[in-house]
Amino acid sequence: MTVHDERGNAVDTAAAPEASDEHLQKIWDRVVGRRAFLQKAGLASAVAVPASAIVASGASAQRLRRAGDRPTEGDFAILRFLCAAEIIESDLWEQYAAFGGQASSGRPNDGQNGFYSSALQNLDSDMPQYISDNTDDEESHQAFINGYLMSKGQRPVSLDRFRKLPPSGATGGGSKKVLTNLQSLNVDTSWYLRYRAVTNPDFGATFGQAVTIKNQPAIPVSDTDTPPGDT
């Protein structure tokens, strides 16, 4: 791993300009539009909003009532896209969990690689539980969205035909093919410089890598990396 320390010359100490009333109104209108879709789809939770916001969104709510309660094909397409994203997230978290998660009655196959799990706990003693909890969350998200789609007579989302990548050969890797490659990662660290720069990427500014990370594994690739029985 090669480290290029470019951070010292990239700090922006200027205060951000205040947003105009018109700009804030446009942002609020987008929020109201998103919540209107979620309410129509039956997915939004109730939240407290200012009285002025309720009045402002009244016209949108009336239009939705006239349109009926059933989501449109466009709404279903958005949900299918979101479900696909959750499936991809679940795939990578399931790989982490198999190696370094916390085994439990609900997740008996988590944490199969003791060496990897111990290494994670050097970073944070709660890391195995955190990984398993996150994996549960991602799996529940995709299950919820697919369940909703099926309740409306829609086809559930499946990405199984795209499972082409071989799993890791290390203990815990299993035999199921995966969607995401955690054995050779290129990590974009330009965000560190981008968020501290005085220049703006919207106007063509480009940023290098704060730290160069190429072809690095995030999980054990073989038992040579994490010998069975070692912790």
C-alpha atoms as a PDB file:
ATOM      1  CA  MET A   1       0.000   0.000   0.000  1.00  0.00           C
ATOM      2  CA  THR A   2       1.444   3.349  -1.024  1.00  0.00           C
ATOM      3  CA  VAL A   3       0.608   6.453   0.969  1.00  0.00           C
ATOM      4  CA  HIS A   4       0.675   9.884  -0.625  1.00  0.00           C
ATOM      5  CA  ASP A   5       0.126  12.587   1.971  1.00  0.00           C
ATOM      6  CA  GLU A   6      -1.554  15.341  -0.019  1.00  0.00           C
ATOM      7  CA  ARG A   7      -3.738  16.518   2.801  1.00  0.00           C
ATOM      8  CA  GLY A   8      -1.743  19.451   4.083  1.00  0.00           C
ATOM      9  CA  ASN A   9      -2.417  21.705   1.084  1.00  0.00           C
ATOM     10  CA  ALA A  10      -6.064  20.848   0.686  1.00  0.00           C
ATOM     11  CA  VAL A  11      -7.780  22.343   3.718  1.00  0.00           C
ATOM     12  CA  ASP A  12     -10.533  24.846   3.049  1.00  0.00           C
ATOM     13  CA  THR A  13     -11.188  27.168   5.982  1.00  0.00           C
ATOM     14  CA  ALA A  14     -13.753  29.353   4.212  1.00  0.00           C
ATOM     15  CA  ALA A  15     -17.280  29.276   5.600  1.00  0.00           C
ATOM     16  CA  ALA A  16     -19.986  27.831   3.364  1.00  0.00           C
ATOM     17  CA  PRO A  17     -22.382  30.440   1.911  1.00  0.00           C
ATOM     18  CA  GLU A  18     -25.848  30.593   3.431  1.00  0.00           C
ATOM     19  CA  ALA A  19     -28.608  29.044   1.360  1.00  0.00           C
ATOM     20  CA  SER A  20     -31.236  31.410  -0.030  1.00  0.00           C
ATOM     21  CA  ASP A  21     -34.917  31.041   0.857  1.00  0.00           C
ATOM     22  CA  GLU A  22     -35.630  29.962  -2.728  1.00  0.00           C
ATOM     23  CA  HIS A  23     -32.951  27.260  -2.549  1.00  0.00           C
ATOM     24  CA  LEU A  24     -34.306  25.949   0.763  1.00  0.00           C
ATOM     25  CA  GLN A  25     -37.829  25.861  -0.668  1.00  0.00           C
ATOM     26  CA  LYS A  26     -36.654  23.770  -3.624  1.00  0.00           C
ATOM     27  CA  ILE A  27     -35.010  21.305  -1.238  1.00  0.00           C
ATOM     28  CA  TRP A  28     -38.171  21.091   0.872  1.00  0.00           C
ATOM     29  CA  ASP A  29     -40.300  20.511  -2.238  1.00  0.00           C
ATOM     30  CA  ARG A  30     -38.098  17.551  -3.157  1.00  0.00           C
ATOM     31  CA  VAL A  31     -38.447  16.129   0.354  1.00  0.00           C
ATOM     32  CA  VAL A  32     -42.241  16.484   0.210  1.00  0.00           C
ATOM     33  CA  GLY A  33     -42.255  14.732  -3.162  1.00  0.00           C
ATOM     34  CA  ARG A  34     -40.250  11.786  -1.831  1.00  0.00           C
ATOM     35  CA  ARG A  35     -42.451  11.434   1.244  1.00  0.00           C
ATOM     36  CA  ALA A  36     -45.570  11.588  -0.922  1.00  0.00           C
ATOM     37  CA  PHE A  37     -44.291   8.595  -2.887  1.00  0.00           C
ATOM     38  CA  LEU A  38     -43.460   6.650   0.269  1.00  0.00           C
ATOM     39  CA  GLN A  39     -46.862   7.394   1.779  1.00  0.00           C
ATOM     40  CA  LYS A  40     -48.506   6.255  -1.428  1.00  0.00           C
ATOM     41  CA  ALA A  41     -46.499   3.048  -1.353  1.00  0.00           C
ATOM     42  CA  GLY A  42     -47.365   2.452   2.298  1.00  0.00           C
ATOM     43  CA  LEU A  43     -43.728   2.614   3.407  1.00  0.00           C
ATOM     44  CA  ALA A  44     -43.426   5.949   5.224  1.00  0.00           C
ATOM     45  CA  SER A  45     -43.532   6.324   8.983  1.00  0.00           C
ATOM     46  CA  ALA A  46     -45.331   9.216  10.609  1.00  0.00           C
ATOM     47  CA  VAL A  47     -43.124  12.168  11.519  1.00  0.00           C
ATOM     48  CA  ALA A  48     -43.820  15.569  13.009  1.00  0.00           C
ATOM     49  CA  VAL A  49     -43.556  18.437  10.505  1.00  0.00           C
ATOM     50  CA  PRO A  50     -44.258  22.169  10.822  1.00  0.00           C
ATOM     51  CA  ALA A  51     -47.811  23.321  10.137  1.00  0.00           C
ATOM     52  CA  SER A  52     -46.576  25.424   7.220  1.00  0.00           C
ATOM     53  CA  ALA A  53     -45.104  22.296   5.611  1.00  0.00           C
ATOM     54  CA  ILE A  54     -48.405  20.448   5.935  1.00  0.00           C
ATOM     55  CA  VAL A  55     -50.221  23.290   4.219  1.00  0.00           C
ATOM     56  CA  ALA A  56     -47.563  23.482   1.504  1.00  0.00           C
ATOM     57  CA  SER A  57     -47.866  19.775   0.740  1.00  0.00           C
ATOM     58  CA  GLY A  58     -51.690  19.733   0.780  1.00  0.00           C
ATOM     59  CA  ALA A  59     -52.016  20.120  -2.972  1.00  0.00           C
ATOM     60  CA  SER A  60     -49.660  17.181  -3.579  1.00  0.00           C
ATOM     61  CA  ALA A  61     -51.645  15.009  -1.167  1.00  0.00           C
ATOM     62  CA  GLN A  62     -54.913  15.858  -2.962  1.00  0.00           C
ATOM     63  CA  ARG A  63     -53.399  14.875  -6.297  1.00  0.00           C
ATOM     64  CA  LEU A  64     -52.304  11.535  -4.818  1.00  0.00           C
ATOM     65  CA  ARG A  65     -55.794  10.838  -3.481  1.00  0.00           C
ATOM     66  CA  ARG A  66     -57.269  11.519  -6.916  1.00  0.00           C
ATOM     67  CA  ALA A  67     -54.720   9.185  -8.489  1.00  0.00           C
ATOM     68  CA  GLY A  68     -55.708   6.309  -6.192  1.00  0.00           C
ATOM     69  CA  ASP A  69     -53.738   4.331  -3.633  1.00  0.00           C
ATOM     70  CA  ARG A  70     -52.036   1.836  -5.933  1.00  0.00           C
ATOM     71  CA  PRO A  71     -48.404   2.629  -6.809  1.00  0.00           C
ATOM     72  CA  THR A  72     -47.619   3.207 -10.476  1.00  0.00           C
ATOM     73  CA  GLU A  73     -45.299   1.101 -12.624  1.00  0.00           C
ATOM     74  CA  GLY A  74     -42.696   3.814 -12.102  1.00  0.00           C
ATOM     75  CA  ASP A  75     -43.049   3.396  -8.328  1.00  0.00           C
ATOM     76  CA  PHE A  76     -42.564  -0.362  -8.662  1.00  0.00           C
ATOM     77  CA  ALA A  77     -39.481   0.202 -10.825  1.00  0.00           C
ATOM     78  CA  ILE A  78     -37.954   2.393  -8.095  1.00  0.00           C
ATOM     79  CA  LEU A  79     -38.651  -0.287  -5.487  1.00  0.00           C
ATOM     80  CA  ARG A  80     -37.101  -2.986  -7.674  1.00  0.00           C
ATOM     81  CA  PHE A  81     -33.988  -0.867  -8.086  1.00  0.00           C
ATOM     82  CA  LEU A  82     -33.775  -0.303  -4.323  1.00  0.00           C
ATOM     83  CA  CYS A  83     -34.251  -4.013  -3.668  1.00  0.00           C
ATOM     84  CA  ALA A  84     -31.438  -4.884  -6.089  1.00  0.00           C
ATOM     85  CA  ALA A  85     -29.164  -2.480  -4.204  1.00  0.00           C
ATOM     86  CA  GLU A  86     -30.094  -4.148  -0.896  1.00  0.00           C
ATOM     87  CA  ILE A  87     -29.342  -7.598  -2.343  1.00  0.00           C
ATOM     88  CA  ILE A  88     -25.875  -6.415  -3.410  1.00  0.00           C
ATOM     89  CA  GLU A  89     -25.262  -4.913   0.036  1.00  0.00           C
ATOM     90  CA  SER A  90     -26.444  -8.141   1.663  1.00  0.00           C
ATOM     91  CA  ASP A  91     -24.002 -10.128  -0.459  1.00  0.00           C
ATOM     92  CA  LEU A  92     -20.920  -8.292   0.751  1.00  0.00           C
ATOM     93  CA  TRP A  93     -22.059  -8.221   4.389  1.00  0.00           C
ATOM     94  CA  GLU A  94     -22.809 -11.957   4.265  1.00  0.00           C
ATOM     95  CA  GLN A  95     -19.214 -12.574   3.244  1.00  0.00           C
ATOM     96  CA  TYR A  96     -17.915 -10.482   6.146  1.00  0.00           C
ATOM     97  CA  ALA A  97     -20.321 -12.233   8.531  1.00  0.00           C
ATOM     98  CA  ALA A  98     -19.310 -15.736   7.450  1.00  0.00           C
ATOM     99  CA  PHE A  99     -15.692 -14.973   8.326  1.00  0.00           C
ATOM    100  CA  GLY A 100     -15.902 -12.581  11.241  1.00  0.00           C
ATOM    101  CA  GLY A 101     -19.477 -12.266  12.457  1.00  0.00           C
ATOM    102  CA  GLN A 102     -20.957 -13.406  15.761  1.00  0.00           C
ATOM    103  CA  ALA A 103     -22.449 -16.894  15.662  1.00  0.00           C
ATOM    104  CA  SER A 104     -25.894 -17.139  17.258  1.00  0.00           C
ATOM    105  CA  SER A 105     -29.035 -19.257  17.099  1.00  0.00           C
ATOM    106  CA  GLY A 106     -30.319 -16.980  14.352  1.00  0.00           C
ATOM    107  CA  ARG A 107     -27.007 -16.913  12.481  1.00  0.00           C
ATOM    108  CA  PRO A 108     -25.240 -20.192  13.286  1.00  0.00           C
ATOM    109  CA  ASN A 109     -22.856 -19.970  10.304  1.00  0.00           C
ATOM    110  CA  ASP A 110     -21.356 -16.597  11.189  1.00  0.00           C
ATOM    111  CA  GLY A 111     -17.804 -16.211  12.521  1.00  0.00           C
ATOM    112  CA  GLN A 112     -16.278 -19.342  11.000  1.00  0.00           C
ATOM    113  CA  ASN A 113     -12.770 -17.901  10.746  1.00  0.00           C
ATOM    114  CA  GLY A 114     -11.331 -17.445  14.226  1.00  0.00           C
ATOM    115  CA  PHE A 115      -8.126 -15.760  13.060  1.00  0.00           C
ATOM    116  CA  TYR A 116     -10.013 -13.129  11.037  1.00  0.00           C
ATOM    117  CA  SER A 117     -12.531 -12.569  13.833  1.00  0.00           C
ATOM    118  CA  SER A 118      -9.750 -12.005  16.364  1.00  0.00           C
ATOM    119  CA  ALA A 119      -8.022  -9.566  14.037  1.00  0.00           C
ATOM    120  CA  LEU A 120     -11.250  -7.581  13.692  1.00  0.00           C
ATOM    121  CA  GLN A 121     -11.582  -7.390  17.460  1.00  0.00           C
ATOM    122  CA  ASN A 122      -8.218  -5.642  17.598  1.00  0.00           C
ATOM    123  CA  LEU A 123     -10.011  -2.787  15.840  1.00  0.00           C
ATOM    124  CA  ASP A 124     -13.172  -2.987  17.946  1.00  0.00           C
ATOM    125  CA  SER A 125     -14.165  -5.675  20.416  1.00  0.00           C
ATOM    126  CA  ASP A 126     -17.792  -5.401  19.240  1.00  0.00           C
ATOM    127  CA  MET A 127     -16.943  -5.801  15.551  1.00  0.00           C
ATOM    128  CA  PRO A 128     -18.272  -9.391  15.151  1.00  0.00           C
ATOM    129  CA  GLN A 129     -21.662  -8.427  16.600  1.00  0.00           C
ATOM    130  CA  TYR A 130     -21.707  -5.247  14.514  1.00  0.00           C
ATOM    131  CA  ILE A 131     -21.097  -7.247  11.326  1.00  0.00           C
ATOM    132  CA  SER A 132     -23.839  -9.757  12.082  1.00  0.00           C
ATOM    133  CA  ASP A 133     -26.293  -7.003  13.017  1.00  0.00           C
ATOM    134  CA  ASN A 134     -25.576  -5.116   9.794  1.00  0.00           C
ATOM    135  CA  THR A 135     -26.021  -8.298   7.795  1.00  0.00           C
ATOM    136  CA  ASP A 136     -29.395  -8.891   9.451  1.00  0.00           C
ATOM    137  CA  ASP A 137     -30.412  -5.340   8.579  1.00  0.00           C
ATOM    138  CA  GLU A 138     -29.511  -5.638   4.894  1.00  0.00           C
ATOM    139  CA  GLU A 139     -31.243  -9.003   4.554  1.00  0.00           C
ATOM    140  CA  SER A 140     -34.377  -7.656   6.221  1.00  0.00           C
ATOM    141  CA  HIS A 141     -34.420  -4.653   3.872  1.00  0.00           C
ATOM    142  CA  GLN A 142     -34.461  -6.781   0.738  1.00  0.00           C
ATOM    143  CA  ALA A 143     -36.984  -9.185   2.268  1.00  0.00           C
ATOM    144  CA  PHE A 144     -39.299  -6.300   3.182  1.00  0.00           C
ATOM    145  CA  ILE A 145     -39.195  -4.690  -0.259  1.00  0.00           C
ATOM    146  CA  ASN A 146     -39.655  -8.009  -2.040  1.00  0.00           C
ATOM    147  CA  GLY A 147     -42.509  -8.874   0.313  1.00  0.00           C
ATOM    148  CA  TYR A 148     -44.192  -5.571  -0.487  1.00  0.00           C
ATOM    149  CA  LEU A 149     -43.747  -6.091  -4.233  1.00  0.00           C
ATOM    150  CA  MET A 150     -45.283  -9.553  -4.030  1.00  0.00           C
ATOM    151  CA  SER A 151     -48.182  -8.238  -1.946  1.00  0.00           C
ATOM    152  CA  LYS A 152     -48.985  -5.974  -4.900  1.00  0.00           C
ATOM    153  CA  GLY A 153     -48.777  -8.793  -7.425  1.00  0.00           C
ATOM    154  CA  GLN A 154     -45.285  -7.864  -8.614  1.00  0.00           C
ATOM    155  CA  ARG A 155     -42.426 -10.219  -9.400  1.00  0.00           C
ATOM    156  CA  PRO A 156     -39.796 -10.304  -6.622  1.00  0.00           C
ATOM    157  CA  VAL A 157     -36.249  -9.219  -7.386  1.00  0.00           C
ATOM    158  CA  SER A 158     -33.542 -11.877  -7.689  1.00  0.00           C
ATOM    159  CA  LEU A 159     -29.932 -11.428  -8.770  1.00  0.00           C
ATOM    160  CA  ASP A 160     -28.997 -15.108  -8.517  1.00  0.00           C
ATOM    161  CA  ARG A 161     -28.228 -15.361 -12.236  1.00  0.00           C
ATOM    162  CA  PHE A 162     -25.495 -12.769 -11.718  1.00  0.00           C
ATOM    163  CA  ARG A 163     -23.708 -14.813  -9.062  1.00  0.00           C
ATOM    164  CA  LYS A 164     -20.624 -15.616 -11.120  1.00  0.00           C
ATOM    165  CA  LEU A 165     -17.697 -14.843  -8.810  1.00  0.00           C
ATOM    166  CA  PRO A 166     -16.050 -17.680  -6.883  1.00  0.00           C
ATOM    167  CA  PRO A 167     -16.055 -17.389  -3.081  1.00  0.00           C
ATOM    168  CA  SER A 168     -12.885 -17.097  -1.036  1.00  0.00           C
ATOM    169  CA  GLY A 169     -10.962 -20.312  -0.509  1.00  0.00           C
ATOM    170  CA  ALA A 170     -10.321 -19.535   3.147  1.00  0.00           C
ATOM    171  CA  THR A 171     -12.183 -21.219   5.998  1.00  0.00           C
ATOM    172  CA  GLY A 172     -15.624 -19.613   6.097  1.00  0.00           C
ATOM    173  CA  GLY A 173     -15.767 -18.845   2.383  1.00  0.00           C
ATOM    174  CA  GLY A 174     -18.229 -21.624   1.627  1.00  0.00           C
ATOM    175  CA  SER A 175     -19.120 -22.759  -1.886  1.00  0.00           C
ATOM    176  CA  LYS A 176     -21.843 -20.282  -2.906  1.00  0.00           C
ATOM    177  CA  LYS A 177     -20.868 -17.945  -5.729  1.00  0.00           C
ATOM    178  CA  VAL A 178     -21.044 -14.253  -4.898  1.00  0.00           C
ATOM    179  CA  LEU A 179     -22.044 -10.950  -6.476  1.00  0.00           C
ATOM    180  CA  THR A 180     -19.326  -8.757  -4.971  1.00  0.00           C
ATOM    181  CA  ASN A 181     -15.567  -9.176  -5.027  1.00  0.00           C
ATOM    182  CA  LEU A 182     -14.028  -8.521  -1.611  1.00  0.00           C
ATOM    183  CA  GLN A 183     -10.807 -10.316  -2.505  1.00  0.00           C
ATOM    184  CA  SER A 184      -9.321  -7.538  -4.627  1.00  0.00           C
ATOM    185  CA  LEU A 185     -10.506  -4.017  -3.837  1.00  0.00           C
ATOM    186  CA  ASN A 186      -9.587  -0.632  -5.250  1.00  0.00           C
ATOM    187  CA  VAL A 187     -10.645   2.014  -2.745  1.00  0.00           C
ATOM    188  CA  ASP A 188     -11.385   5.601  -3.795  1.00  0.00           C
ATOM    189  CA  THR A 189      -9.907   7.861  -1.110  1.00  0.00           C
ATOM    190  CA  SER A 190     -10.188  11.075  -3.146  1.00  0.00           C
ATOM    191  CA  TRP A 191     -13.133  12.109  -0.957  1.00  0.00           C
ATOM    192  CA  TYR A 192     -10.676  13.142   1.761  1.00  0.00           C
ATOM    193  CA  LEU A 193      -9.102  15.731  -0.525  1.00  0.00           C
ATOM    194  CA  ARG A 194     -12.352  16.650  -2.267  1.00  0.00           C
ATOM    195  CA  TYR A 195     -14.167  17.662   0.915  1.00  0.00           C
ATOM    196  CA  ARG A 196     -11.239  19.790   2.071  1.00  0.00           C
ATOM    197  CA  ALA A 197     -10.496  21.544  -1.207  1.00  0.00           C
ATOM    198  CA  VAL A 198     -11.245  25.155  -2.143  1.00  0.00           C
ATOM    199  CA  THR A 199     -12.050  24.013  -5.702  1.00  0.00           C
ATOM    200  CA  ASN A 200     -15.343  22.480  -6.828  1.00  0.00           C
ATOM    201  CA  PRO A 201     -15.733  19.205  -8.771  1.00  0.00           C
ATOM    202  CA  ASP A 202     -18.919  20.609 -10.312  1.00  0.00           C
ATOM    203  CA  PHE A 203     -16.698  23.051 -12.204  1.00  0.00           C
ATOM    204  CA  GLY A 204     -14.185  20.502 -13.420  1.00  0.00           C
ATOM    205  CA  ALA A 205     -11.831  20.179 -10.453  1.00  0.00           C
ATOM    206  CA  THR A 206     -10.254  16.750 -10.080  1.00  0.00           C
ATOM    207  CA  PHE A 207      -8.632  15.149  -7.058  1.00  0.00           C
ATOM    208  CA  GLY A 208      -6.017  12.492  -6.556  1.00  0.00           C
ATOM    209  CA  GLN A 209      -5.966   9.737  -3.974  1.00  0.00           C
ATOM    210  CA  ALA A 210      -5.145  10.607  -0.362  1.00  0.00           C
ATOM    211  CA  VAL A 211      -4.000   7.010   0.082  1.00  0.00           C
ATOM    212  CA  THR A 212      -3.498   4.584  -2.811  1.00  0.00           C
ATOM    213  CA  ILE A 213      -5.257   1.269  -2.142  1.00  0.00           C
ATOM    214  CA  LYS A 214      -5.271  -1.128  -5.097  1.00  0.00           C
ATOM    215  CA  ASN A 215      -5.982  -4.848  -5.346  1.00  0.00           C
ATOM    216  CA  GLN A 216      -6.197  -5.300  -1.587  1.00  0.00           C
ATOM    217  CA  PRO A 217      -8.328  -8.040   0.031  1.00  0.00           C
ATOM    218  CA  ALA A 218     -10.953  -7.176   2.642  1.00  0.00           C
ATOM    219  CA  ILE A 219     -11.459 -10.824   3.588  1.00  0.00           C
ATOM    220  CA  PRO A 220      -9.063 -13.793   3.812  1.00  0.00           C
ATOM    221  CA  VAL A 221      -8.284 -15.169   0.367  1.00  0.00           C
ATOM    222  CA  SER A 222      -6.940 -18.523   1.577  1.00  0.00           C
ATOM    223  CA  ASP A 223      -6.012 -20.324   4.783  1.00  0.00           C
ATOM    224  CA  THR A 224      -2.479 -19.065   4.280  1.00  0.00           C
ATOM    225  CA  ASP A 225      -3.837 -15.650   5.286  1.00  0.00           C
ATOM    226  CA  THR A 226      -5.732 -16.971   8.295  1.00  0.00           C
ATOM    227  CA  PRO A 227      -4.527 -20.432   9.372  1.00  0.00           C
ATOM    228  CA  PRO A 228      -7.353 -22.545  10.853  1.00  0.00           C
ATOM    229  CA  GLY A 229      -7.103 -22.899  14.622  1.00  0.00           C
ATOM    230  CA  ASP A 230      -5.090 -19.704  15.073  1.00  0.00           C
ATOM    231  CA  THR A 231      -6.598 -16.731  16.874  1.00  0.00           C
END
